[in-house]
């Protein structure tokens, strides 16, 4: 009876470790859909911020560096996410017929893990897109007055 407890403990730890990694493969479709939806939400926030920036720039204001950097980060993120989604959906299509098993488990694992991490990054970037101020007044050049003649 003394040896059962340590063995059970080892089996439990191995199972917990393995289950997390197997989830990347098993939940690939769900992770791809979640990533696609999160990216769409980020794009919606991007369009809202961009609209506010455009309006302020028409009023002769200049976008802040923070907003400009965030807008650029969203564009880069969109490219990265689209690449992951494309590869992920291709991998899903390659599953063995009549089963849910991928043909290439390693590739599915890597894509699932990458999608999971990218989902967190997309969510974080979306949360950073809540700006109180998107633009600031342009500094006016000093005007030289000419003496009246």
Protein backbone atom coordinates (compact mmCIF):
# COMPACT_ATOMS: atom_id res chain seq x y z
CA UNK A 1 0.00 0.00 0.00
CA UNK A 2 2.94 2.33 0.65
CA UNK A 3 4.13 2.09 -2.97
CA UNK A 4 0.70 2.91 -4.49
CA UNK A 5 0.62 6.51 -3.31
CA UNK A 6 3.96 7.57 -4.92
CA UNK A 7 3.06 5.76 -8.15
CA UNK A 8 -0.33 7.43 -8.25
CA UNK A 9 1.35 10.79 -7.62
CA UNK A 10 3.76 10.25 -10.54
CA UNK A 11 0.96 9.14 -12.86
CA UNK A 12 -1.11 12.19 -11.90
CA UNK A 13 1.77 14.57 -12.59
CA UNK A 14 2.56 12.94 -15.94
CA UNK A 15 -1.11 13.08 -16.91
CA UNK A 16 -1.41 16.77 -16.00
CA UNK A 17 1.68 17.62 -18.03
CA UNK A 18 0.59 15.56 -21.03
CA UNK A 19 -3.02 16.75 -21.01
CA UNK A 20 -1.97 20.38 -21.42
CA UNK A 21 0.17 19.59 -24.44
CA UNK A 22 -2.41 17.25 -25.97
CA UNK A 23 -4.92 20.07 -25.72
CA UNK A 24 -2.94 22.10 -28.24
CA UNK A 25 -3.54 19.33 -30.79
CA UNK A 26 -7.06 18.39 -29.78
CA UNK A 27 -8.34 21.98 -29.55
CA UNK A 28 -6.65 23.30 -32.71
CA UNK A 29 -9.96 24.10 -34.46
CA UNK A 30 -11.32 25.85 -31.38
CA UNK A 31 -8.09 27.81 -30.89
CA UNK A 32 -8.11 28.92 -34.54
CA UNK A 33 -11.71 30.11 -34.24
CA UNK A 34 -10.97 31.94 -30.98
CA UNK A 35 -7.93 33.60 -32.53
CA UNK A 36 -9.93 34.65 -35.60
CA UNK A 37 -12.68 36.14 -33.41
CA UNK A 38 -10.21 37.94 -31.14
CA UNK A 39 -8.45 39.39 -34.19
CA UNK A 40 -11.77 40.64 -35.54
CA UNK A 41 -12.45 42.38 -32.23
CA UNK A 42 -8.97 43.94 -32.36
CA UNK A 43 -9.60 45.15 -35.91
CA UNK A 44 -12.88 46.74 -34.77
CA UNK A 45 -11.07 48.64 -32.00
CA UNK A 46 -8.36 49.59 -34.54
CA UNK A 47 -10.99 51.05 -36.89
CA UNK A 48 -12.59 53.00 -34.03
CA UNK A 49 -9.25 54.47 -32.94
CA UNK A 50 -8.24 55.19 -36.54
CA UNK A 51 -11.55 57.00 -37.10
CA UNK A 52 -10.97 59.17 -34.04
CA UNK A 53 -7.40 59.90 -35.18
CA UNK A 54 -8.55 60.86 -38.69
CA UNK A 55 -11.17 63.21 -37.26
CA UNK A 56 -8.61 64.90 -35.00
CA UNK A 57 -6.09 65.20 -37.84
CA UNK A 58 -8.73 67.01 -39.91
CA UNK A 59 -8.86 69.49 -37.03
CA UNK A 60 -5.15 70.16 -37.50
CA UNK A 61 -4.06 67.95 -34.61
CA UNK A 62 -1.28 65.37 -34.57
CA UNK A 63 -1.69 61.76 -33.40
CA UNK A 64 0.28 60.84 -30.30
CA UNK A 65 3.31 58.60 -30.61
CA UNK A 66 1.61 56.04 -28.37
CA UNK A 67 -1.41 55.83 -30.68
CA UNK A 68 0.77 55.73 -33.78
CA UNK A 69 2.81 52.86 -32.33
CA UNK A 70 -0.34 50.97 -31.33
CA UNK A 71 -1.85 51.33 -34.81
CA UNK A 72 1.36 50.00 -36.32
CA UNK A 73 1.43 47.09 -33.84
CA UNK A 74 -2.10 46.11 -34.84
CA UNK A 75 -1.11 46.00 -38.51
CA UNK A 76 1.87 43.77 -37.72
CA UNK A 77 -0.28 41.56 -35.49
CA UNK A 78 -2.86 41.15 -38.25
CA UNK A 79 -0.21 39.84 -40.64
CA UNK A 80 1.12 37.40 -38.04
CA UNK A 81 -2.36 36.16 -37.09
CA UNK A 82 -3.39 35.68 -40.72
CA UNK A 83 -0.31 33.54 -41.28
CA UNK A 84 -1.10 31.37 -38.24
CA UNK A 85 -4.75 31.04 -39.28
CA UNK A 86 -3.85 30.04 -42.81
CA UNK A 87 -1.44 27.36 -41.63
CA UNK A 88 -3.85 26.22 -38.92
CA UNK A 89 -6.80 25.75 -41.22
CA UNK A 90 -4.58 23.92 -43.71
CA UNK A 91 -3.45 21.60 -40.92
CA UNK A 92 -7.05 20.96 -39.91
CA UNK A 93 -7.90 20.00 -43.49
CA UNK A 94 -5.03 17.47 -43.49
CA UNK A 95 -6.55 15.33 -40.71
CA UNK A 96 -6.78 11.62 -41.35
CA UNK A 97 -10.13 10.71 -42.92
CA UNK A 98 -12.79 9.43 -40.52
CA UNK A 99 -10.71 10.40 -37.46
CA UNK A 100 -9.88 13.49 -35.51
CA UNK A 101 -6.18 12.68 -35.51
CA UNK A 102 -3.83 14.99 -37.37
CA UNK A 103 -1.46 13.53 -39.94
CA UNK A 104 1.40 15.52 -38.44
CA UNK A 105 1.02 15.71 -34.67
CA UNK A 106 4.14 17.80 -34.17
CA UNK A 107 2.99 20.44 -36.64
CA UNK A 108 -0.50 20.56 -35.09
CA UNK A 109 1.05 20.87 -31.64
CA UNK A 110 3.27 23.78 -32.70
CA UNK A 111 0.40 25.59 -34.41
CA UNK A 112 -1.92 25.03 -31.46
CA UNK A 113 0.65 26.37 -29.03
CA UNK A 114 1.44 29.34 -31.27
CA UNK A 115 -2.27 30.13 -31.68
CA UNK A 116 -2.82 29.96 -27.93
CA UNK A 117 0.06 32.36 -27.23
CA UNK A 118 -0.97 34.70 -30.05
CA UNK A 119 -4.53 34.77 -28.69
CA UNK A 120 -3.15 36.19 -25.44
CA UNK A 121 -1.10 38.78 -27.33
CA UNK A 122 -4.11 39.86 -29.42
CA UNK A 123 -6.24 40.25 -26.30
CA UNK A 124 -3.52 42.28 -24.58
CA UNK A 125 -3.11 44.54 -27.62
CA UNK A 126 -6.89 45.06 -27.82
CA UNK A 127 -6.95 46.10 -24.15
CA UNK A 128 -4.16 48.61 -24.79
CA UNK A 129 -6.30 50.27 -27.47
CA UNK A 130 -8.42 52.19 -24.98
CA UNK A 131 -7.08 55.71 -25.39
CA UNK A 132 -8.47 58.81 -23.71
CA UNK A 133 -6.43 61.06 -25.98
CA UNK A 134 -5.51 60.08 -29.53
CA UNK A 135 -4.12 63.39 -30.80
CA UNK A 136 -2.57 66.59 -29.52
CA UNK A 137 -2.45 70.14 -30.76
CA UNK A 138 0.32 71.00 -33.15
CA UNK A 139 2.86 73.42 -31.76
CA UNK A 140 2.35 76.72 -33.50
CA UNK A 141 5.39 78.43 -34.92
CA UNK A 142 6.16 81.81 -33.39
CA UNK A 143 4.85 84.66 -35.49
CA UNK A 144 7.09 87.65 -36.14
CA UNK A 145 5.18 90.89 -36.06
CA UNK A 146 6.20 93.60 -38.48
CA UNK A 147 6.12 97.10 -37.27
CA UNK A 148 3.34 99.17 -38.86
CA UNK A 149 4.37 101.63 -41.53
